[in-house]
Amino acid sequence: MQHLEEVKNILSDVLSLGDRKKSLNEDSVLLGDLPELDSMAVVNVITALEDHFGISIDDDEISAGTFETLGTLSRFVEQKLSE
């Protein structure tokens, strides 16, 4: 996954994870494990991903599965970049 580190950095910046960023890997569960990741934070993460990668994400493209793990979120971004 070529964009995993970039997605991890964006997630960490938006959620202000600090040193906890170091423990995140592809299999890290996001929804339910990161208390900072509430509905408003999801919107902020999506906006940050759009800005950073120059992509457009429609509401109907996002599901809980998209934010299940860092890996699923990274794969979603890579899919959007290939469109």
PDB file of N, CA and C in Angstrom:
ATOM      1  N   MET A   1       0.843  -1.176   0.000  1.00  0.00           N
ATOM      2  CA  MET A   1       0.000   0.000   0.000  1.00  0.00           C
ATOM      3  C   MET A   1       0.885   1.235   0.000  1.00  0.00           C
ATOM      4  N   GLN A   2       0.887   1.905  -1.113  1.00  0.00           N
ATOM      5  CA  GLN A   2       1.830   3.001  -1.264  1.00  0.00           C
ATOM      6  C   GLN A   2       1.444   4.273  -0.521  1.00  0.00           C
ATOM      7  N   HIS A   3       0.187   4.434  -0.156  1.00  0.00           N
ATOM      8  CA  HIS A   3      -0.243   5.675   0.507  1.00  0.00           C
ATOM      9  C   HIS A   3      -0.572   5.483   1.987  1.00  0.00           C
ATOM     10  N   LEU A   4      -0.221   4.335   2.539  1.00  0.00           N
ATOM     11  CA  LEU A   4      -0.557   4.035   3.930  1.00  0.00           C
ATOM     12  C   LEU A   4       0.008   5.078   4.891  1.00  0.00           C
ATOM     13  N   GLU A   5       1.276   5.426   4.733  1.00  0.00           N
ATOM     14  CA  GLU A   5       1.902   6.387   5.649  1.00  0.00           C
ATOM     15  C   GLU A   5       1.266   7.772   5.531  1.00  0.00           C
ATOM     16  N   GLU A   6       0.936   8.177   4.315  1.00  0.00           N
ATOM     17  CA  GLU A   6       0.300   9.486   4.132  1.00  0.00           C
ATOM     18  C   GLU A   6      -1.069   9.517   4.801  1.00  0.00           C
ATOM     19  N   VAL A   7      -1.846   8.447   4.620  1.00  0.00           N
ATOM     20  CA  VAL A   7      -3.176   8.377   5.238  1.00  0.00           C
ATOM     21  C   VAL A   7      -3.032   8.353   6.755  1.00  0.00           C
ATOM     22  N   LYS A   8      -2.058   7.607   7.248  1.00  0.00           N
ATOM     23  CA  LYS A   8      -1.809   7.551   8.693  1.00  0.00           C
ATOM     24  C   LYS A   8      -1.451   8.929   9.234  1.00  0.00           C
ATOM     25  N   ASN A   9      -0.616   9.665   8.534  1.00  0.00           N
ATOM     26  CA  ASN A   9      -0.229  11.008   8.976  1.00  0.00           C
ATOM     27  C   ASN A   9      -1.424  11.954   8.987  1.00  0.00           C
ATOM     28  N   ILE A  10      -2.261  11.884   7.968  1.00  0.00           N
ATOM     29  CA  ILE A  10      -3.452  12.734   7.909  1.00  0.00           C
ATOM     30  C   ILE A  10      -4.386  12.405   9.056  1.00  0.00           C
ATOM     31  N   LEU A  11      -4.630  11.125   9.269  1.00  0.00           N
ATOM     32  CA  LEU A  11      -5.502  10.689  10.362  1.00  0.00           C
ATOM     33  C   LEU A  11      -4.958  11.176  11.701  1.00  0.00           C
ATOM     34  N   SER A  12      -3.663  11.030  11.897  1.00  0.00           N
ATOM     35  CA  SER A  12      -3.046  11.458  13.144  1.00  0.00           C
ATOM     36  C   SER A  12      -3.147  12.966  13.339  1.00  0.00           C
ATOM     37  N   ASP A  13      -2.922  13.718  12.273  1.00  0.00           N
ATOM     38  CA  ASP A  13      -3.001  15.177  12.365  1.00  0.00           C
ATOM     39  C   ASP A  13      -4.419  15.641  12.681  1.00  0.00           C
ATOM     40  N   VAL A  14      -5.394  15.097  11.967  1.00  0.00           N
ATOM     41  CA  VAL A  14      -6.786  15.528  12.160  1.00  0.00           C
ATOM     42  C   VAL A  14      -7.282  15.160  13.555  1.00  0.00           C
ATOM     43  N   LEU A  15      -6.889  13.970  14.030  1.00  0.00           N
ATOM     44  CA  LEU A  15      -7.372  13.502  15.337  1.00  0.00           C
ATOM     45  C   LEU A  15      -6.448  13.872  16.494  1.00  0.00           C
ATOM     46  N   SER A  16      -5.322  14.524  16.186  1.00  0.00           N
ATOM     47  CA  SER A  16      -4.336  14.895  17.212  1.00  0.00           C
ATOM     48  C   SER A  16      -3.926  13.679  18.045  1.00  0.00           C
ATOM     49  N   LEU A  17      -3.466  12.630  17.371  1.00  0.00           N
ATOM     50  CA  LEU A  17      -3.124  11.387  18.057  1.00  0.00           C
ATOM     51  C   LEU A  17      -1.763  11.420  18.736  1.00  0.00           C
ATOM     52  N   GLY A  18      -0.910  12.334  18.346  1.00  0.00           N
ATOM     53  CA  GLY A  18       0.405  12.426  18.974  1.00  0.00           C
ATOM     54  C   GLY A  18       1.193  11.141  18.826  1.00  0.00           C
ATOM     55  N   ASP A  19       1.768  10.667  19.937  1.00  0.00           N
ATOM     56  CA  ASP A  19       2.616   9.470  19.916  1.00  0.00           C
ATOM     57  C   ASP A  19       1.841   8.197  19.591  1.00  0.00           C
ATOM     58  N   ARG A  20       0.530   8.208  19.743  1.00  0.00           N
ATOM     59  CA  ARG A  20      -0.260   7.014  19.424  1.00  0.00           C
ATOM     60  C   ARG A  20      -0.186   6.680  17.939  1.00  0.00           C
ATOM     61  N   LYS A  21       0.215   7.645  17.116  1.00  0.00           N
ATOM     62  CA  LYS A  21       0.355   7.399  15.682  1.00  0.00           C
ATOM     63  C   LYS A  21       1.335   6.257  15.423  1.00  0.00           C
ATOM     64  N   LYS A  22       2.373   6.151  16.246  1.00  0.00           N
ATOM     65  CA  LYS A  22       3.402   5.131  16.050  1.00  0.00           C
ATOM     66  C   LYS A  22       2.838   3.717  16.131  1.00  0.00           C
ATOM     67  N   SER A  23       1.768   3.529  16.873  1.00  0.00           N
ATOM     68  CA  SER A  23       1.207   2.183  17.047  1.00  0.00           C
ATOM     69  C   SER A  23       0.238   1.803  15.926  1.00  0.00           C
ATOM     70  N   LEU A  24      -0.087   2.743  15.038  1.00  0.00           N
ATOM     71  CA  LEU A  24      -1.020   2.439  13.954  1.00  0.00           C
ATOM     72  C   LEU A  24      -0.325   1.676  12.833  1.00  0.00           C
ATOM     73  N   ASN A  25      -0.997   0.622  12.369  1.00  0.00           N
ATOM     74  CA  ASN A  25      -0.512  -0.120  11.208  1.00  0.00           C
ATOM     75  C   ASN A  25      -1.707  -0.468  10.327  1.00  0.00           C
ATOM     76  N   GLU A  26      -1.471  -1.188   9.266  1.00  0.00           N
ATOM     77  CA  GLU A  26      -2.516  -1.495   8.295  1.00  0.00           C
ATOM     78  C   GLU A  26      -3.734  -2.157   8.931  1.00  0.00           C
ATOM     79  N   ASP A  27      -3.523  -2.978   9.950  1.00  0.00           N
ATOM     80  CA  ASP A  27      -4.612  -3.729  10.584  1.00  0.00           C
ATOM     81  C   ASP A  27      -5.237  -3.011  11.773  1.00  0.00           C
ATOM     82  N   SER A  28      -4.790  -1.810  12.088  1.00  0.00           N
ATOM     83  CA  SER A  28      -5.330  -1.081  13.236  1.00  0.00           C
ATOM     84  C   SER A  28      -6.798  -0.728  13.008  1.00  0.00           C
ATOM     85  N   VAL A  29      -7.624  -1.124  13.970  1.00  0.00           N
ATOM     86  CA  VAL A  29      -9.050  -0.817  13.910  1.00  0.00           C
ATOM     87  C   VAL A  29      -9.235   0.666  14.223  1.00  0.00           C
ATOM     88  N   LEU A  30     -10.038   1.338  13.412  1.00  0.00           N
ATOM     89  CA  LEU A  30     -10.270   2.769  13.607  1.00  0.00           C
ATOM     90  C   LEU A  30     -11.590   3.014  14.332  1.00  0.00           C
ATOM     91  N   LEU A  31     -12.703   2.668  13.686  1.00  0.00           N
ATOM     92  CA  LEU A  31     -14.007   2.911  14.302  1.00  0.00           C
ATOM     93  C   LEU A  31     -14.173   2.024  15.529  1.00  0.00           C
ATOM     94  N   GLY A  32     -14.438   2.641  16.644  1.00  0.00           N
ATOM     95  CA  GLY A  32     -14.615   1.911  17.887  1.00  0.00           C
ATOM     96  C   GLY A  32     -13.364   1.873  18.747  1.00  0.00           C
ATOM     97  N   ASP A  33     -12.185   1.930  18.130  1.00  0.00           N
ATOM     98  CA  ASP A  33     -10.941   1.898  18.892  1.00  0.00           C
ATOM     99  C   ASP A  33     -10.334   3.279  19.096  1.00  0.00           C
ATOM    100  N   LEU A  34     -10.650   4.219  18.219  1.00  0.00           N
ATOM    101  CA  LEU A  34     -10.161   5.589  18.377  1.00  0.00           C
ATOM    102  C   LEU A  34     -11.331   6.469  18.815  1.00  0.00           C
ATOM    103  N   PRO A  35     -11.385   6.789  20.112  1.00  0.00           N
ATOM    104  CA  PRO A  35     -12.522   7.594  20.595  1.00  0.00           C
ATOM    105  C   PRO A  35     -12.624   8.955  19.909  1.00  0.00           C
ATOM    106  N   GLU A  36     -11.512   9.452  19.391  1.00  0.00           N
ATOM    107  CA  GLU A  36     -11.522  10.746  18.707  1.00  0.00           C
ATOM    108  C   GLU A  36     -12.256  10.687  17.371  1.00  0.00           C
ATOM    109  N   LEU A  37     -12.431   9.488  16.817  1.00  0.00           N
ATOM    110  CA  LEU A  37     -13.021   9.334  15.493  1.00  0.00           C
ATOM    111  C   LEU A  37     -14.545   9.257  15.611  1.00  0.00           C
ATOM    112  N   ASP A  38     -15.161  10.427  15.860  1.00  0.00           N
ATOM    113  CA  ASP A  38     -16.610  10.517  15.894  1.00  0.00           C
ATOM    114  C   ASP A  38     -17.104  11.016  14.537  1.00  0.00           C
ATOM    115  N   SER A  39     -18.389  11.264  14.417  1.00  0.00           N
ATOM    116  CA  SER A  39     -18.952  11.629  13.110  1.00  0.00           C
ATOM    117  C   SER A  39     -18.359  12.926  12.560  1.00  0.00           C
ATOM    118  N   MET A  40     -18.105  13.894  13.405  1.00  0.00           N
ATOM    119  CA  MET A  40     -17.499  15.145  12.929  1.00  0.00           C
ATOM    120  C   MET A  40     -16.054  14.922  12.503  1.00  0.00           C
ATOM    121  N   ALA A  41     -15.350  14.081  13.225  1.00  0.00           N
ATOM    122  CA  ALA A  41     -13.960  13.786  12.870  1.00  0.00           C
ATOM    123  C   ALA A  41     -13.891  13.061  11.533  1.00  0.00           C
ATOM    124  N   VAL A  42     -14.853  12.182  11.259  1.00  0.00           N
ATOM    125  CA  VAL A  42     -14.893  11.493   9.969  1.00  0.00           C
ATOM    126  C   VAL A  42     -14.995  12.512   8.840  1.00  0.00           C
ATOM    127  N   VAL A  43     -15.868  13.497   9.004  1.00  0.00           N
ATOM    128  CA  VAL A  43     -16.019  14.550   7.998  1.00  0.00           C
ATOM    129  C   VAL A  43     -14.697  15.298   7.813  1.00  0.00           C
ATOM    130  N   ASN A  44     -14.035  15.613   8.913  1.00  0.00           N
ATOM    131  CA  ASN A  44     -12.758  16.326   8.839  1.00  0.00           C
ATOM    132  C   ASN A  44     -11.667  15.483   8.172  1.00  0.00           C
ATOM    133  N   VAL A  45     -11.653  14.191   8.450  1.00  0.00           N
ATOM    134  CA  VAL A  45     -10.677  13.295   7.819  1.00  0.00           C
ATOM    135  C   VAL A  45     -10.933  13.226   6.320  1.00  0.00           C
ATOM    136  N   ILE A  46     -12.195  13.095   5.931  1.00  0.00           N
ATOM    137  CA  ILE A  46     -12.543  13.041   4.506  1.00  0.00           C
ATOM    138  C   ILE A  46     -12.095  14.316   3.800  1.00  0.00           C
ATOM    139  N   THR A  47     -12.361  15.461   4.406  1.00  0.00           N
ATOM    140  CA  THR A  47     -11.958  16.741   3.819  1.00  0.00           C
ATOM    141  C   THR A  47     -10.440  16.821   3.683  1.00  0.00           C
ATOM    142  N   ALA A  48      -9.722  16.383   4.712  1.00  0.00           N
ATOM    143  CA  ALA A  48      -8.259  16.407   4.669  1.00  0.00           C
ATOM    144  C   ALA A  48      -7.723  15.472   3.585  1.00  0.00           C
ATOM    145  N   LEU A  49      -8.340  14.310   3.419  1.00  0.00           N
ATOM    146  CA  LEU A  49      -7.923  13.375   2.367  1.00  0.00           C
ATOM    147  C   LEU A  49      -8.168  13.971   0.986  1.00  0.00           C
ATOM    148  N   GLU A  50      -9.327  14.611   0.817  1.00  0.00           N
ATOM    149  CA  GLU A  50      -9.646  15.252  -0.461  1.00  0.00           C
ATOM    150  C   GLU A  50      -8.621  16.332  -0.793  1.00  0.00           C
ATOM    151  N   ASP A  51      -8.300  17.154   0.191  1.00  0.00           N
ATOM    152  CA  ASP A  51      -7.351  18.250  -0.016  1.00  0.00           C
ATOM    153  C   ASP A  51      -5.950  17.724  -0.326  1.00  0.00           C
ATOM    154  N   HIS A  52      -5.504  16.761   0.438  1.00  0.00           N
ATOM    155  CA  HIS A  52      -4.143  16.244   0.292  1.00  0.00           C
ATOM    156  C   HIS A  52      -3.946  15.511  -1.035  1.00  0.00           C
ATOM    157  N   PHE A  53      -4.897  14.663  -1.388  1.00  0.00           N
ATOM    158  CA  PHE A  53      -4.737  13.817  -2.566  1.00  0.00           C
ATOM    159  C   PHE A  53      -5.388  14.388  -3.824  1.00  0.00           C
ATOM    160  N   GLY A  54      -6.126  15.496  -3.688  1.00  0.00           N
ATOM    161  CA  GLY A  54      -6.791  16.083  -4.848  1.00  0.00           C
ATOM    162  C   GLY A  54      -7.894  15.201  -5.404  1.00  0.00           C
ATOM    163  N   ILE A  55      -8.625  14.549  -4.506  1.00  0.00           N
ATOM    164  CA  ILE A  55      -9.721  13.680  -4.916  1.00  0.00           C
ATOM    165  C   ILE A  55     -11.041  14.254  -4.427  1.00  0.00           C
ATOM    166  N   SER A  56     -12.121  13.737  -4.971  1.00  0.00           N
ATOM    167  CA  SER A  56     -13.457  14.128  -4.532  1.00  0.00           C
ATOM    168  C   SER A  56     -14.181  12.883  -4.048  1.00  0.00           C
ATOM    169  N   ILE A  57     -14.711  12.951  -2.835  1.00  0.00           N
ATOM    170  CA  ILE A  57     -15.383  11.801  -2.226  1.00  0.00           C
ATOM    171  C   ILE A  57     -16.845  12.168  -2.008  1.00  0.00           C
ATOM    172  N   ASP A  58     -17.729  11.391  -2.616  1.00  0.00           N
ATOM    173  CA  ASP A  58     -19.166  11.600  -2.450  1.00  0.00           C
ATOM    174  C   ASP A  58     -19.648  10.880  -1.196  1.00  0.00           C
ATOM    175  N   ASP A  59     -20.688  11.425  -0.572  1.00  0.00           N
ATOM    176  CA  ASP A  59     -21.234  10.838   0.651  1.00  0.00           C
ATOM    177  C   ASP A  59     -21.618   9.375   0.476  1.00  0.00           C
ATOM    178  N   ASP A  60     -22.163   9.035  -0.691  1.00  0.00           N
ATOM    179  CA  ASP A  60     -22.637   7.662  -0.895  1.00  0.00           C
ATOM    180  C   ASP A  60     -21.493   6.662  -1.112  1.00  0.00           C
ATOM    181  N   GLU A  61     -20.266   7.137  -1.189  1.00  0.00           N
ATOM    182  CA  GLU A  61     -19.104   6.258  -1.336  1.00  0.00           C
ATOM    183  C   GLU A  61     -18.548   5.812   0.012  1.00  0.00           C
ATOM    184  N   ILE A  62     -18.953   6.476   1.068  1.00  0.00           N
ATOM    185  CA  ILE A  62     -18.405   6.225   2.397  1.00  0.00           C
ATOM    186  C   ILE A  62     -19.341   5.320   3.184  1.00  0.00           C
ATOM    187  N   SER A  63     -18.743   4.318   3.823  1.00  0.00           N
ATOM    188  CA  SER A  63     -19.503   3.444   4.717  1.00  0.00           C
ATOM    189  C   SER A  63     -18.645   3.172   5.951  1.00  0.00           C
ATOM    190  N   ALA A  64     -19.227   2.496   6.921  1.00  0.00           N
ATOM    191  CA  ALA A  64     -18.448   2.147   8.112  1.00  0.00           C
ATOM    192  C   ALA A  64     -17.258   1.280   7.720  1.00  0.00           C
ATOM    193  N   GLY A  65     -17.412   0.462   6.691  1.00  0.00           N
ATOM    194  CA  GLY A  65     -16.324  -0.396   6.236  1.00  0.00           C
ATOM    195  C   GLY A  65     -15.123   0.387   5.735  1.00  0.00           C
ATOM    196  N   THR A  66     -15.369   1.570   5.203  1.00  0.00           N
ATOM    197  CA  THR A  66     -14.273   2.414   4.718  1.00  0.00           C
ATOM    198  C   THR A  66     -13.334   2.774   5.866  1.00  0.00           C
ATOM    199  N   PHE A  67     -13.899   3.014   7.034  1.00  0.00           N
ATOM    200  CA  PHE A  67     -13.128   3.432   8.208  1.00  0.00           C
ATOM    201  C   PHE A  67     -12.909   2.285   9.199  1.00  0.00           C
ATOM    202  N   GLU A  68     -13.062   1.045   8.736  1.00  0.00           N
ATOM    203  CA  GLU A  68     -12.892  -0.098   9.632  1.00  0.00           C
ATOM    204  C   GLU A  68     -11.462  -0.193  10.154  1.00  0.00           C
ATOM    205  N   THR A  69     -10.496  -0.147   9.236  1.00  0.00           N
ATOM    206  CA  THR A  69      -9.078  -0.200   9.629  1.00  0.00           C
ATOM    207  C   THR A  69      -8.302   0.846   8.842  1.00  0.00           C
ATOM    208  N   LEU A  70      -7.076   1.065   9.241  1.00  0.00           N
ATOM    209  CA  LEU A  70      -6.215   1.981   8.483  1.00  0.00           C
ATOM    210  C   LEU A  70      -6.005   1.429   7.073  1.00  0.00           C
ATOM    211  N   GLY A  71      -5.932   0.126   6.949  1.00  0.00           N
ATOM    212  CA  GLY A  71      -5.759  -0.499   5.644  1.00  0.00           C
ATOM    213  C   GLY A  71      -6.952  -0.286   4.732  1.00  0.00           C
ATOM    214  N   THR A  72      -8.177  -0.420   5.257  1.00  0.00           N
ATOM    215  CA  THR A  72      -9.361  -0.225   4.411  1.00  0.00           C
ATOM    216  C   THR A  72      -9.465   1.227   3.973  1.00  0.00           C
ATOM    217  N   LEU A  73      -9.093   2.139   4.854  1.00  0.00           N
ATOM    218  CA  LEU A  73      -9.124   3.556   4.489  1.00  0.00           C
ATOM    219  C   LEU A  73      -8.068   3.861   3.425  1.00  0.00           C
ATOM    220  N   SER A  74      -6.899   3.290   3.568  1.00  0.00           N
ATOM    221  CA  SER A  74      -5.835   3.497   2.579  1.00  0.00           C
ATOM    222  C   SER A  74      -6.213   2.899   1.227  1.00  0.00           C
ATOM    223  N   ARG A  75      -6.806   1.708   1.229  1.00  0.00           N
ATOM    224  CA  ARG A  75      -7.241   1.088  -0.031  1.00  0.00           C
ATOM    225  C   ARG A  75      -8.319   1.929  -0.704  1.00  0.00           C
ATOM    226  N   PHE A  76      -9.211   2.520   0.088  1.00  0.00           N
ATOM    227  CA  PHE A  76     -10.241   3.396  -0.468  1.00  0.00           C
ATOM    228  C   PHE A  76      -9.595   4.583  -1.176  1.00  0.00           C
ATOM    229  N   VAL A  77      -8.617   5.207  -0.531  1.00  0.00           N
ATOM    230  CA  VAL A  77      -7.913   6.350  -1.137  1.00  0.00           C
ATOM    231  C   VAL A  77      -7.224   5.923  -2.431  1.00  0.00           C
ATOM    232  N   GLU A  78      -6.563   4.770  -2.397  1.00  0.00           N
ATOM    233  CA  GLU A  78      -5.871   4.301  -3.603  1.00  0.00           C
ATOM    234  C   GLU A  78      -6.850   4.005  -4.740  1.00  0.00           C
ATOM    235  N   GLN A  79      -8.020   3.498  -4.398  1.00  0.00           N
ATOM    236  CA  GLN A  79      -9.058   3.283  -5.404  1.00  0.00           C
ATOM    237  C   GLN A  79      -9.498   4.613  -6.017  1.00  0.00           C
ATOM    238  N   LYS A  80      -9.696   5.611  -5.170  1.00  0.00           N
ATOM    239  CA  LYS A  80     -10.114   6.935  -5.670  1.00  0.00           C
ATOM    240  C   LYS A  80      -9.035   7.548  -6.563  1.00  0.00           C
ATOM    241  N   LEU A  81      -7.782   7.340  -6.225  1.00  0.00           N
ATOM    242  CA  LEU A  81      -6.694   7.897  -7.026  1.00  0.00           C
ATOM    243  C   LEU A  81      -6.588   7.219  -8.387  1.00  0.00           C
ATOM    244  N   SER A  82      -7.051   5.984  -8.477  1.00  0.00           N
ATOM    245  CA  SER A  82      -6.949   5.260  -9.750  1.00  0.00           C
ATOM    246  C   SER A  82      -8.133   5.537 -10.683  1.00  0.00           C
ATOM    247  N   GLU A  83      -9.132   6.245 -10.194  1.00  0.00           N
ATOM    248  CA  GLU A  83     -10.330   6.522 -11.010  1.00  0.00           C
ATOM    249  C   GLU A  83     -10.045   7.601 -12.045  1.00  0.00           C
TER     250      GLU A  83
END
